[in-house]
Amino acid sequence: MAKKYYWMKLREDFFDDDAIEWLEEQPKGKEYALFYLKLCLKSLKTNGLLIRTVGTILVPYDTKKLADITKTDYDTAIVAMELLKNIGLVEIMESGEIFLPRMEEMIGSETDKAILMRKIRAQKNFIEGNNVTVMLPEGYLCEMGNNVTTELPECSKNVTQRLENRDLEIDKNIIVAPPGNADSENMDRYPAGDFEYQCVDMLIQSCMAVFPGAKVPQTQREKRKWAMEIERMKRLDKRNESDIIEALTYATTDGFWKSNIRSARKFREKFETLIIQSRSKTAKNDKGAKPQPNRFHNFEQRNTDYNAMVIQRLKERLGSESNTLPGEGGS
């Protein structure tokens, strides 16, 4: 059975990401970033999940074990885990697994035979480009005699032919994956629906309203990439549609966030912060609602002019024909 190798792909702007930049700004930030990268590498074969299998049971990693497997100081590992959880780079699942949300986009894999085949083809292209398959130079002698038109031994056969023969042998045992990348495969396996595209349109309109020249998806393929982030929120992050809409509405109406949420990926990263702030703001607004009328022993407050009432009673008592009290007016 062919051995399979895994690797991690980092975007060129990996260290320019807001979360990574903030992490590195902390005391010992470089160590925290290195600790995160080591966790990523440890979770390559399990698609971003970290958990130990002991016999037939699954045992979550504790911080001490994480420090051991990453060769990190224990105190540093404790602080790093708290920071990574706070900024959404690490999540702790209900059953104790450690989940790294961004790993899905960073994992690549290839069998050892596929690696060999790729190297052979590269070598073949290089050789053909340098035209080394011309006739052997005059005077080249083989063990079978001086006649260079006879069958040459294996060591001196046409190099290109030898490589082609090796390709044929390898092709028998290798199933070559169709062209494409992990993103396109995920899009086909987990297609985005109408809800996801509605969220994308809502986010695009917000970006354009803040800055008409904003860099937003123009083609259907670009919109699909944004829609896939919303789909992953539902499938991987277990967010329901009502919460997503609540957070997205806040992100596109709040004065601060609508200038900072400029992509679906950024919205996904800041989802928890957005929905917490949205609900906190709603609670404050409820507290600031119009106060209820004052009550005393469950009787509503009445707006009565007691001065006018006293004067009226005095008038009735005196029985003045002019309805004028002394001091109110007249001669």
C-alpha atoms as a PDB file:
ATOM      1  CA  MET A   1       0.000   0.000   0.000  1.00  0.00           C
ATOM      2  CA  ALA A   2       1.381   3.400  -0.993  1.00  0.00           C
ATOM      3  CA  LYS A   3       2.483   5.623   1.847  1.00  0.00           C
ATOM      4  CA  LYS A   4       0.702   8.976   2.058  1.00  0.00           C
ATOM      5  CA  TYR A   5       2.430  12.230   2.916  1.00  0.00           C
ATOM      6  CA  TYR A   6       0.729  15.339   4.267  1.00  0.00           C
ATOM      7  CA  TRP A   7       1.808  18.930   4.205  1.00  0.00           C
ATOM      8  CA  MET A   8       0.480  22.286   5.342  1.00  0.00           C
ATOM      9  CA  LYS A   9      -0.073  25.167   2.933  1.00  0.00           C
ATOM     10  CA  LEU A  10       0.310  28.715   4.240  1.00  0.00           C
ATOM     11  CA  ARG A  11      -0.885  31.719   2.288  1.00  0.00           C
ATOM     12  CA  GLU A  12       1.720  34.392   1.635  1.00  0.00           C
ATOM     13  CA  ASP A  13      -0.249  36.793   3.849  1.00  0.00           C
ATOM     14  CA  PHE A  14      -0.558  34.268   6.719  1.00  0.00           C
ATOM     15  CA  PHE A  15       1.402  36.445   9.155  1.00  0.00           C
ATOM     16  CA  ASP A  16      -0.493  39.554   7.999  1.00  0.00           C
ATOM     17  CA  ASP A  17      -3.805  38.092   9.181  1.00  0.00           C
ATOM     18  CA  ASP A  18      -5.397  40.142  11.984  1.00  0.00           C
ATOM     19  CA  ALA A  19      -5.518  37.212  14.400  1.00  0.00           C
ATOM     20  CA  ILE A  20      -1.885  36.175  13.812  1.00  0.00           C
ATOM     21  CA  GLU A  21      -0.677  39.791  13.973  1.00  0.00           C
ATOM     22  CA  TRP A  22      -2.468  40.311  17.272  1.00  0.00           C
ATOM     23  CA  LEU A  23      -1.069  37.041  18.627  1.00  0.00           C
ATOM     24  CA  GLU A  24       2.497  38.064  17.789  1.00  0.00           C
ATOM     25  CA  GLU A  25       1.998  41.460  19.426  1.00  0.00           C
ATOM     26  CA  GLN A  26       1.482  39.796  22.813  1.00  0.00           C
ATOM     27  CA  PRO A  27       4.372  39.148  25.221  1.00  0.00           C
ATOM     28  CA  LYS A  28       6.021  35.940  23.969  1.00  0.00           C
ATOM     29  CA  GLY A  29       3.853  36.296  20.866  1.00  0.00           C
ATOM     30  CA  LYS A  30       6.393  34.590  18.607  1.00  0.00           C
ATOM     31  CA  GLU A  31       6.330  31.517  20.860  1.00  0.00           C
ATOM     32  CA  TYR A  32       2.523  31.459  20.788  1.00  0.00           C
ATOM     33  CA  ALA A  33       2.510  31.603  16.972  1.00  0.00           C
ATOM     34  CA  LEU A  34       5.051  28.752  16.805  1.00  0.00           C
ATOM     35  CA  PHE A  35       2.935  26.733  19.259  1.00  0.00           C
ATOM     36  CA  TYR A  36      -0.116  27.254  16.990  1.00  0.00           C
ATOM     37  CA  LEU A  37       1.800  26.102  13.897  1.00  0.00           C
ATOM     38  CA  LYS A  38       2.940  22.977  15.744  1.00  0.00           C
ATOM     39  CA  LEU A  39      -0.674  22.197  16.689  1.00  0.00           C
ATOM     40  CA  CYS A  40      -1.605  22.596  13.018  1.00  0.00           C
ATOM     41  CA  LEU A  41       1.056  20.100  11.965  1.00  0.00           C
ATOM     42  CA  LYS A  42      -0.043  17.620  14.638  1.00  0.00           C
ATOM     43  CA  SER A  43      -3.614  17.731  13.279  1.00  0.00           C
ATOM     44  CA  LEU A  44      -2.752  17.341   9.567  1.00  0.00           C
ATOM     45  CA  LYS A  45      -3.899  13.724   9.260  1.00  0.00           C
ATOM     46  CA  THR A  46      -7.147  14.326  11.134  1.00  0.00           C
ATOM     47  CA  ASN A  47      -8.392  17.422   9.277  1.00  0.00           C
ATOM     48  CA  GLY A  48      -7.777  19.829  12.133  1.00  0.00           C
ATOM     49  CA  LEU A  49      -8.942  17.625  15.028  1.00  0.00           C
ATOM     50  CA  LEU A  50      -6.615  16.814  17.931  1.00  0.00           C
ATOM     51  CA  ILE A  51      -7.537  13.884  20.181  1.00  0.00           C
ATOM     52  CA  ARG A  52      -5.740  10.748  21.373  1.00  0.00           C
ATOM     53  CA  THR A  53      -6.951   7.218  20.721  1.00  0.00           C
ATOM     54  CA  VAL A  54      -6.162   5.007  23.695  1.00  0.00           C
ATOM     55  CA  GLY A  55      -7.245   1.465  22.933  1.00  0.00           C
ATOM     56  CA  THR A  56     -10.869   1.804  21.941  1.00  0.00           C
ATOM     57  CA  ILE A  57     -11.573   5.142  23.638  1.00  0.00           C
ATOM     58  CA  LEU A  58     -10.847   8.722  22.734  1.00  0.00           C
ATOM     59  CA  VAL A  59      -8.958  10.761  25.321  1.00  0.00           C
ATOM     60  CA  PRO A  60      -8.765  14.573  24.988  1.00  0.00           C
ATOM     61  CA  TYR A  61      -5.360  16.234  25.161  1.00  0.00           C
ATOM     62  CA  ASP A  62      -4.665  18.245  28.290  1.00  0.00           C
ATOM     63  CA  THR A  63      -2.396  21.281  28.287  1.00  0.00           C
ATOM     64  CA  LYS A  64       0.523  19.347  29.795  1.00  0.00           C
ATOM     65  CA  LYS A  65       0.422  16.798  26.986  1.00  0.00           C
ATOM     66  CA  LEU A  66       0.156  19.568  24.375  1.00  0.00           C
ATOM     67  CA  ALA A  67       3.243  21.180  25.895  1.00  0.00           C
ATOM     68  CA  ASP A  68       5.076  17.840  25.674  1.00  0.00           C
ATOM     69  CA  ILE A  69       4.231  17.031  22.046  1.00  0.00           C
ATOM     70  CA  THR A  70       5.032  20.575  20.864  1.00  0.00           C
ATOM     71  CA  LYS A  71       8.174  20.887  23.047  1.00  0.00           C
ATOM     72  CA  THR A  72       6.770  24.071  24.564  1.00  0.00           C
ATOM     73  CA  ASP A  73       7.153  25.425  28.086  1.00  0.00           C
ATOM     74  CA  TYR A  74       4.083  24.442  30.143  1.00  0.00           C
ATOM     75  CA  ASP A  75       3.241  28.007  31.281  1.00  0.00           C
ATOM     76  CA  THR A  76       3.626  29.243  27.717  1.00  0.00           C
ATOM     77  CA  ALA A  77       1.286  26.512  26.468  1.00  0.00           C
ATOM     78  CA  ILE A  78      -1.384  27.469  29.038  1.00  0.00           C
ATOM     79  CA  VAL A  79      -1.390  31.137  27.982  1.00  0.00           C
ATOM     80  CA  ALA A  80      -1.166  30.254  24.283  1.00  0.00           C
ATOM     81  CA  MET A  81      -4.230  27.982  24.448  1.00  0.00           C
ATOM     82  CA  GLU A  82      -6.325  30.666  26.158  1.00  0.00           C
ATOM     83  CA  LEU A  83      -5.320  33.287  23.587  1.00  0.00           C
ATOM     84  CA  LEU A  84      -5.920  30.936  20.654  1.00  0.00           C
ATOM     85  CA  LYS A  85      -9.404  30.089  21.962  1.00  0.00           C
ATOM     86  CA  ASN A  86     -10.239  33.770  22.496  1.00  0.00           C
ATOM     87  CA  ILE A  87      -9.380  34.750  18.908  1.00  0.00           C
ATOM     88  CA  GLY A  88     -11.049  31.708  17.331  1.00  0.00           C
ATOM     89  CA  LEU A  89      -7.964  29.847  16.083  1.00  0.00           C
ATOM     90  CA  VAL A  90      -8.719  26.950  18.435  1.00  0.00           C
ATOM     91  CA  GLU A  91     -12.085  25.546  19.505  1.00  0.00           C
ATOM     92  CA  ILE A  92     -12.834  22.933  22.167  1.00  0.00           C
ATOM     93  CA  MET A  93     -15.609  20.584  21.067  1.00  0.00           C
ATOM     94  CA  GLU A  94     -18.238  19.197  23.452  1.00  0.00           C
ATOM     95  CA  SER A  95     -16.531  15.785  23.543  1.00  0.00           C
ATOM     96  CA  GLY A  96     -13.151  17.367  24.331  1.00  0.00           C
ATOM     97  CA  GLU A  97     -11.531  17.364  20.881  1.00  0.00           C
ATOM     98  CA  ILE A  98      -9.385  20.344  19.996  1.00  0.00           C
ATOM     99  CA  PHE A  99     -10.486  21.723  16.622  1.00  0.00           C
ATOM    100  CA  LEU A 100      -8.456  24.120  14.459  1.00  0.00           C
ATOM    101  CA  PRO A 101     -11.038  25.744  12.113  1.00  0.00           C
ATOM    102  CA  ARG A 102      -8.582  26.974   9.490  1.00  0.00           C
ATOM    103  CA  MET A 103      -6.901  23.620   8.847  1.00  0.00           C
ATOM    104  CA  GLU A 104      -9.398  22.607   6.164  1.00  0.00           C
ATOM    105  CA  GLU A 105      -7.889  25.199   3.808  1.00  0.00           C
ATOM    106  CA  MET A 106      -4.281  24.424   4.748  1.00  0.00           C
ATOM    107  CA  ILE A 107      -4.038  20.635   4.300  1.00  0.00           C
ATOM    108  CA  GLY A 108      -2.485  18.951   1.270  1.00  0.00           C
ATOM    109  CA  SER A 109      -1.600  15.283   0.712  1.00  0.00           C
ATOM    110  CA  GLU A 110       0.086  13.032  -1.854  1.00  0.00           C
ATOM    111  CA  THR A 111       1.160   9.389  -2.044  1.00  0.00           C
ATOM    112  CA  ASP A 112       4.820   8.424  -2.362  1.00  0.00           C
ATOM    113  CA  LYS A 113       4.166   6.969  -5.829  1.00  0.00           C
ATOM    114  CA  ALA A 114       2.517  10.183  -6.971  1.00  0.00           C
ATOM    115  CA  ILE A 115       5.575  12.089  -5.692  1.00  0.00           C
ATOM    116  CA  LEU A 116       7.882   9.760  -7.672  1.00  0.00           C
ATOM    117  CA  MET A 117       5.779  10.110 -10.802  1.00  0.00           C
ATOM    118  CA  ARG A 118       5.805  13.886 -10.557  1.00  0.00           C
ATOM    119  CA  LYS A 119       9.593  13.913 -10.208  1.00  0.00           C
ATOM    120  CA  ILE A 120      10.037  11.551 -13.165  1.00  0.00           C
ATOM    121  CA  ARG A 121       7.862  13.689 -15.405  1.00  0.00           C
ATOM    122  CA  ALA A 122       9.747  16.803 -14.370  1.00  0.00           C
ATOM    123  CA  GLN A 123      13.019  15.036 -15.147  1.00  0.00           C
ATOM    124  CA  LYS A 124      11.659  13.858 -18.487  1.00  0.00           C
ATOM    125  CA  ASN A 125      10.610  17.389 -19.478  1.00  0.00           C
ATOM    126  CA  PHE A 126      13.999  18.705 -18.466  1.00  0.00           C
ATOM    127  CA  ILE A 127      15.835  16.061 -20.499  1.00  0.00           C
ATOM    128  CA  GLU A 128      13.687  16.595 -23.602  1.00  0.00           C
ATOM    129  CA  GLY A 129      14.204  20.323 -23.292  1.00  0.00           C
ATOM    130  CA  ASN A 130      17.972  19.828 -23.369  1.00  0.00           C
ATOM    131  CA  ASN A 131      17.796  17.342 -26.309  1.00  0.00           C
ATOM    132  CA  VAL A 132      19.893  14.573 -24.775  1.00  0.00           C
ATOM    133  CA  THR A 133      18.190  11.832 -26.817  1.00  0.00           C
ATOM    134  CA  VAL A 134      20.305  12.407 -29.906  1.00  0.00           C
ATOM    135  CA  MET A 135      22.456   9.624 -31.295  1.00  0.00           C
ATOM    136  CA  LEU A 136      25.329   8.386 -29.178  1.00  0.00           C
ATOM    137  CA  PRO A 137      28.642  10.006 -29.998  1.00  0.00           C
ATOM    138  CA  GLU A 138      30.922   8.192 -32.354  1.00  0.00           C
ATOM    139  CA  GLY A 139      33.329   5.895 -30.581  1.00  0.00           C
ATOM    140  CA  TYR A 140      30.907   4.906 -27.847  1.00  0.00           C
ATOM    141  CA  LEU A 141      31.608   1.238 -27.108  1.00  0.00           C
ATOM    142  CA  CYS A 142      29.361  -1.222 -25.392  1.00  0.00           C
ATOM    143  CA  GLU A 143      30.117  -4.530 -23.783  1.00  0.00           C
ATOM    144  CA  MET A 144      28.463  -6.375 -26.712  1.00  0.00           C
ATOM    145  CA  GLY A 145      30.886  -5.062 -29.332  1.00  0.00           C
ATOM    146  CA  ASN A 146      31.806  -2.083 -31.494  1.00  0.00           C
ATOM    147  CA  ASN A 147      28.631  -2.135 -33.586  1.00  0.00           C
ATOM    148  CA  VAL A 148      26.555   0.703 -32.120  1.00  0.00           C
ATOM    149  CA  THR A 149      23.500  -0.366 -34.160  1.00  0.00           C
ATOM    150  CA  THR A 150      23.076  -3.538 -32.127  1.00  0.00           C
ATOM    151  CA  GLU A 151      20.802  -3.619 -29.102  1.00  0.00           C
ATOM    152  CA  LEU A 152      22.371  -1.515 -26.390  1.00  0.00           C
ATOM    153  CA  PRO A 153      22.518  -2.724 -22.783  1.00  0.00           C
ATOM    154  CA  GLU A 154      20.156  -1.234 -20.210  1.00  0.00           C
ATOM    155  CA  CYS A 155      22.770   1.255 -19.080  1.00  0.00           C
ATOM    156  CA  SER A 156      22.865   2.976 -22.456  1.00  0.00           C
ATOM    157  CA  LYS A 157      19.299   2.785 -23.793  1.00  0.00           C
ATOM    158  CA  ASN A 158      17.575   5.893 -24.938  1.00  0.00           C
ATOM    159  CA  VAL A 159      16.972   7.866 -21.741  1.00  0.00           C
ATOM    160  CA  THR A 160      13.535   9.058 -22.758  1.00  0.00           C
ATOM    161  CA  GLN A 161      12.401   5.523 -23.571  1.00  0.00           C
ATOM    162  CA  ARG A 162      13.559   4.313 -20.161  1.00  0.00           C
ATOM    163  CA  LEU A 163      11.620   7.042 -18.430  1.00  0.00           C
ATOM    164  CA  GLU A 164       8.492   6.291 -20.461  1.00  0.00           C
ATOM    165  CA  ASN A 165       8.724   2.621 -19.508  1.00  0.00           C
ATOM    166  CA  ARG A 166       8.959   3.597 -15.840  1.00  0.00           C
ATOM    167  CA  ASP A 167       5.952   5.870 -16.249  1.00  0.00           C
ATOM    168  CA  LEU A 168       3.933   2.987 -17.664  1.00  0.00           C
ATOM    169  CA  GLU A 169       4.819   0.745 -14.717  1.00  0.00           C
ATOM    170  CA  ILE A 170       3.895   3.438 -12.199  1.00  0.00           C
ATOM    171  CA  ASP A 171       0.654   4.328 -13.989  1.00  0.00           C
ATOM    172  CA  LYS A 172      -0.568   0.773 -13.460  1.00  0.00           C
ATOM    173  CA  ASN A 173      -0.639   1.304  -9.713  1.00  0.00           C
ATOM    174  CA  ILE A 174      -1.566   4.966  -9.421  1.00  0.00           C
ATOM    175  CA  ILE A 175      -4.964   6.566  -9.719  1.00  0.00           C
ATOM    176  CA  VAL A 176      -4.285  10.137 -10.685  1.00  0.00           C
ATOM    177  CA  ALA A 177      -6.685  12.641  -9.167  1.00  0.00           C
ATOM    178  CA  PRO A 178      -8.525  14.892 -11.629  1.00  0.00           C
ATOM    179  CA  PRO A 179      -7.203  18.432 -11.961  1.00  0.00           C
ATOM    180  CA  GLY A 180      -8.477  20.885  -9.396  1.00  0.00           C
ATOM    181  CA  ASN A 181      -7.853  21.890  -5.831  1.00  0.00           C
ATOM    182  CA  ALA A 182      -9.270  21.163  -2.397  1.00  0.00           C
ATOM    183  CA  ASP A 183     -11.574  24.185  -2.546  1.00  0.00           C
ATOM    184  CA  SER A 184     -13.260  23.072  -5.770  1.00  0.00           C
ATOM    185  CA  GLU A 185     -13.713  19.548  -4.387  1.00  0.00           C
ATOM    186  CA  ASN A 186     -15.318  20.938  -1.224  1.00  0.00           C
ATOM    187  CA  MET A 187     -17.592  23.170  -3.291  1.00  0.00           C
ATOM    188  CA  ASP A 188     -18.823  20.133  -5.228  1.00  0.00           C
ATOM    189  CA  ARG A 189     -19.180  17.976  -2.107  1.00  0.00           C
ATOM    190  CA  TYR A 190     -20.826  20.658   0.051  1.00  0.00           C
ATOM    191  CA  PRO A 191     -22.552  23.100  -2.355  1.00  0.00           C
ATOM    192  CA  ALA A 192     -23.794  26.408  -0.991  1.00  0.00           C
ATOM    193  CA  GLY A 193     -27.530  27.118  -1.120  1.00  0.00           C
ATOM    194  CA  ASP A 194     -29.708  30.204  -1.521  1.00  0.00           C
ATOM    195  CA  PHE A 195     -29.227  31.259   2.095  1.00  0.00           C
ATOM    196  CA  GLU A 196     -25.460  31.391   1.707  1.00  0.00           C
ATOM    197  CA  TYR A 197     -25.650  33.501  -1.460  1.00  0.00           C
ATOM    198  CA  GLN A 198     -28.154  35.884   0.159  1.00  0.00           C
ATOM    199  CA  CYS A 199     -25.642  36.444   2.961  1.00  0.00           C
ATOM    200  CA  VAL A 200     -22.910  37.068   0.386  1.00  0.00           C
ATOM    201  CA  ASP A 201     -25.063  39.641  -1.441  1.00  0.00           C
ATOM    202  CA  MET A 202     -25.837  41.351   1.872  1.00  0.00           C
ATOM    203  CA  LEU A 203     -22.123  41.528   2.711  1.00  0.00           C
ATOM    204  CA  ILE A 204     -21.185  42.791  -0.767  1.00  0.00           C
ATOM    205  CA  GLN A 205     -23.783  45.582  -0.572  1.00  0.00           C
ATOM    206  CA  SER A 206     -22.408  46.631   2.828  1.00  0.00           C
ATOM    207  CA  CYS A 207     -18.822  46.737   1.530  1.00  0.00           C
ATOM    208  CA  MET A 208     -19.857  48.804  -1.497  1.00  0.00           C
ATOM    209  CA  ALA A 209     -21.895  51.201   0.640  1.00  0.00           C
ATOM    210  CA  VAL A 210     -18.902  51.926   2.868  1.00  0.00           C
ATOM    211  CA  PHE A 211     -16.445  52.193  -0.026  1.00  0.00           C
ATOM    212  CA  PRO A 212     -17.751  52.100  -3.629  1.00  0.00           C
ATOM    213  CA  GLY A 213     -14.360  50.908  -4.911  1.00  0.00           C
ATOM    214  CA  ALA A 214     -14.222  47.961  -2.501  1.00  0.00           C
ATOM    215  CA  LYS A 215     -12.663  44.719  -3.713  1.00  0.00           C
ATOM    216  CA  VAL A 216     -15.629  42.353  -3.646  1.00  0.00           C
ATOM    217  CA  PRO A 217     -16.496  39.223  -5.656  1.00  0.00           C
ATOM    218  CA  GLN A 218     -17.466  40.003  -9.216  1.00  0.00           C
ATOM    219  CA  THR A 219     -17.721  36.574 -10.850  1.00  0.00           C
ATOM    220  CA  GLN A 220     -19.872  33.627  -9.823  1.00  0.00           C
ATOM    221  CA  ARG A 221     -16.743  31.654  -8.921  1.00  0.00           C
ATOM    222  CA  GLU A 222     -15.589  34.405  -6.551  1.00  0.00           C
ATOM    223  CA  LYS A 223     -19.019  34.551  -4.944  1.00  0.00           C
ATOM    224  CA  ARG A 224     -18.903  30.784  -4.453  1.00  0.00           C
ATOM    225  CA  LYS A 225     -15.766  31.133  -2.333  1.00  0.00           C
ATOM    226  CA  TRP A 226     -17.537  33.601  -0.030  1.00  0.00           C
ATOM    227  CA  ALA A 227     -20.660  31.422   0.020  1.00  0.00           C
ATOM    228  CA  MET A 228     -18.542  28.432   1.072  1.00  0.00           C
ATOM    229  CA  GLU A 229     -17.426  30.338   4.181  1.00  0.00           C
ATOM    230  CA  ILE A 230     -21.090  30.732   5.179  1.00  0.00           C
ATOM    231  CA  GLU A 231     -21.689  27.049   4.394  1.00  0.00           C
ATOM    232  CA  ARG A 232     -18.749  26.079   6.642  1.00  0.00           C
ATOM    233  CA  MET A 233     -20.200  28.199   9.428  1.00  0.00           C
ATOM    234  CA  LYS A 234     -23.314  26.022   9.315  1.00  0.00           C
ATOM    235  CA  ARG A 235     -21.647  22.659   8.690  1.00  0.00           C
ATOM    236  CA  LEU A 236     -18.396  22.903  10.670  1.00  0.00           C
ATOM    237  CA  ASP A 237     -19.042  25.677  13.202  1.00  0.00           C
ATOM    238  CA  LYS A 238     -22.620  24.473  13.883  1.00  0.00           C
ATOM    239  CA  ARG A 239     -24.113  27.977  13.536  1.00  0.00           C
ATOM    240  CA  ASN A 240     -27.831  28.171  12.792  1.00  0.00           C
ATOM    241  CA  GLU A 241     -29.195  30.488  10.123  1.00  0.00           C
ATOM    242  CA  SER A 242     -31.014  32.817  12.519  1.00  0.00           C
ATOM    243  CA  ASP A 243     -27.802  33.481  14.490  1.00  0.00           C
ATOM    244  CA  ILE A 244     -25.859  34.058  11.276  1.00  0.00           C
ATOM    245  CA  ILE A 245     -28.422  36.611  10.094  1.00  0.00           C
ATOM    246  CA  GLU A 246     -28.409  38.322  13.494  1.00  0.00           C
ATOM    247  CA  ALA A 247     -24.613  38.648  13.502  1.00  0.00           C
ATOM    248  CA  LEU A 248     -24.491  39.677   9.828  1.00  0.00           C
ATOM    249  CA  THR A 249     -27.148  42.361  10.336  1.00  0.00           C
ATOM    250  CA  TYR A 250     -25.138  43.798  13.209  1.00  0.00           C
ATOM    251  CA  ALA A 251     -21.898  43.582  11.187  1.00  0.00           C
ATOM    252  CA  THR A 252     -23.406  45.522   8.274  1.00  0.00           C
ATOM    253  CA  THR A 253     -25.137  48.219  10.342  1.00  0.00           C
ATOM    254  CA  ASP A 254     -22.793  48.934  13.237  1.00  0.00           C
ATOM    255  CA  GLY A 255     -20.560  51.946  12.581  1.00  0.00           C
ATOM    256  CA  PHE A 256     -17.366  50.154  13.610  1.00  0.00           C
ATOM    257  CA  TRP A 257     -17.928  46.658  12.241  1.00  0.00           C
ATOM    258  CA  LYS A 258     -19.241  47.580   8.798  1.00  0.00           C
ATOM    259  CA  SER A 259     -15.863  49.212   8.131  1.00  0.00           C
ATOM    260  CA  ASN A 260     -13.942  46.171   9.372  1.00  0.00           C
ATOM    261  CA  ILE A 261     -15.913  43.157   8.088  1.00  0.00           C
ATOM    262  CA  ARG A 262     -14.824  43.193   4.449  1.00  0.00           C
ATOM    263  CA  SER A 263     -15.094  39.510   3.532  1.00  0.00           C
ATOM    264  CA  ALA A 264     -17.006  36.362   4.384  1.00  0.00           C
ATOM    265  CA  ARG A 265     -13.880  34.878   5.916  1.00  0.00           C
ATOM    266  CA  LYS A 266     -13.485  37.829   8.272  1.00  0.00           C
ATOM    267  CA  PHE A 267     -17.187  37.585   9.178  1.00  0.00           C
ATOM    268  CA  ARG A 268     -16.729  33.924  10.059  1.00  0.00           C
ATOM    269  CA  GLU A 269     -13.692  34.706  12.229  1.00  0.00           C
ATOM    270  CA  LYS A 270     -15.487  37.451  14.174  1.00  0.00           C
ATOM    271  CA  PHE A 271     -18.883  35.732  14.388  1.00  0.00           C
ATOM    272  CA  GLU A 272     -18.881  35.136  18.147  1.00  0.00           C
ATOM    273  CA  THR A 273     -17.731  38.665  18.935  1.00  0.00           C
ATOM    274  CA  LEU A 274     -20.393  40.095  16.620  1.00  0.00           C
ATOM    275  CA  ILE A 275     -23.319  38.148  18.027  1.00  0.00           C
ATOM    276  CA  ILE A 276     -22.249  38.808  21.635  1.00  0.00           C
ATOM    277  CA  GLN A 277     -22.022  42.560  20.994  1.00  0.00           C
ATOM    278  CA  SER A 278     -25.318  42.522  19.080  1.00  0.00           C
ATOM    279  CA  ARG A 279     -27.173  40.914  21.964  1.00  0.00           C
ATOM    280  CA  SER A 280     -25.454  43.145  24.499  1.00  0.00           C
ATOM    281  CA  LYS A 281     -26.552  46.216  22.560  1.00  0.00           C
ATOM    282  CA  THR A 282     -30.119  44.918  22.343  1.00  0.00           C
ATOM    283  CA  ALA A 283     -30.187  44.376  26.108  1.00  0.00           C
ATOM    284  CA  LYS A 284     -28.957  47.930  26.707  1.00  0.00           C
ATOM    285  CA  ASN A 285     -31.641  49.312  24.406  1.00  0.00           C
ATOM    286  CA  ASP A 286     -34.280  47.399  26.325  1.00  0.00           C
ATOM    287  CA  LYS A 287     -33.040  48.898  29.569  1.00  0.00           C
ATOM    288  CA  GLY A 288     -33.151  52.355  28.033  1.00  0.00           C
ATOM    289  CA  ALA A 289     -36.788  52.047  26.942  1.00  0.00           C
ATOM    290  CA  LYS A 290     -39.405  54.592  28.001  1.00  0.00           C
ATOM    291  CA  PRO A 291     -39.990  54.194  31.762  1.00  0.00           C
ATOM    292  CA  GLN A 292     -43.360  52.953  32.935  1.00  0.00           C
ATOM    293  CA  PRO A 293     -45.625  55.407  34.822  1.00  0.00           C
ATOM    294  CA  ASN A 294     -45.037  55.669  38.565  1.00  0.00           C
ATOM    295  CA  ARG A 295     -47.415  53.572  40.603  1.00  0.00           C
ATOM    296  CA  PHE A 296     -48.348  53.576  44.275  1.00  0.00           C
ATOM    297  CA  HIS A 297     -50.061  50.467  45.616  1.00  0.00           C
ATOM    298  CA  ASN A 298     -50.856  49.540  42.014  1.00  0.00           C
ATOM    299  CA  PHE A 299     -52.630  52.893  41.342  1.00  0.00           C
ATOM    300  CA  GLU A 300     -51.511  54.765  38.246  1.00  0.00           C
ATOM    301  CA  GLN A 301     -50.082  58.262  38.582  1.00  0.00           C
ATOM    302  CA  ARG A 302     -52.551  61.053  37.836  1.00  0.00           C
ATOM    303  CA  ASN A 303     -51.617  64.429  36.446  1.00  0.00           C
ATOM    304  CA  THR A 304     -53.752  66.806  38.619  1.00  0.00           C
ATOM    305  CA  ASP A 305     -53.357  70.601  39.094  1.00  0.00           C
ATOM    306  CA  TYR A 306     -53.982  70.759  42.847  1.00  0.00           C
ATOM    307  CA  ASN A 307     -53.713  74.578  42.974  1.00  0.00           C
ATOM    308  CA  ALA A 308     -56.530  74.978  40.470  1.00  0.00           C
ATOM    309  CA  MET A 309     -58.600  72.424  42.322  1.00  0.00           C
ATOM    310  CA  VAL A 310     -58.217  74.300  45.668  1.00  0.00           C
ATOM    311  CA  ILE A 311     -59.160  77.624  44.059  1.00  0.00           C
ATOM    312  CA  GLN A 312     -62.247  76.072  42.468  1.00  0.00           C
ATOM    313  CA  ARG A 313     -63.365  74.655  45.781  1.00  0.00           C
ATOM    314  CA  LEU A 314     -62.917  78.053  47.487  1.00  0.00           C
ATOM    315  CA  LYS A 315     -64.987  79.728  44.799  1.00  0.00           C
ATOM    316  CA  GLU A 316     -67.776  77.243  45.283  1.00  0.00           C
ATOM    317  CA  ARG A 317     -67.682  77.764  49.030  1.00  0.00           C
ATOM    318  CA  LEU A 318     -67.757  81.581  48.967  1.00  0.00           C
ATOM    319  CA  GLY A 319     -70.464  81.589  46.338  1.00  0.00           C
ATOM    320  CA  SER A 320     -69.016  84.698  44.721  1.00  0.00           C
ATOM    321  CA  GLU A 321     -71.163  85.939  41.874  1.00  0.00           C
ATOM    322  CA  SER A 322     -68.155  87.267  40.006  1.00  0.00           C
ATOM    323  CA  ASN A 323     -66.280  84.031  40.571  1.00  0.00           C
ATOM    324  CA  THR A 324     -63.346  86.180  41.652  1.00  0.00           C
ATOM    325  CA  LEU A 325     -61.430  85.694  44.837  1.00  0.00           C
ATOM    326  CA  PRO A 326     -59.808  88.497  46.720  1.00  0.00           C
ATOM    327  CA  GLY A 327     -56.381  89.131  45.248  1.00  0.00           C
ATOM    328  CA  GLU A 328     -57.216  87.515  41.891  1.00  0.00           C
ATOM    329  CA  GLY A 329     -58.096  90.704  40.095  1.00  0.00           C
ATOM    330  CA  GLY A 330     -60.698  93.472  39.857  1.00  0.00           C
ATOM    331  CA  SER A 331     -60.906  96.814  41.572  1.00  0.00           C
END
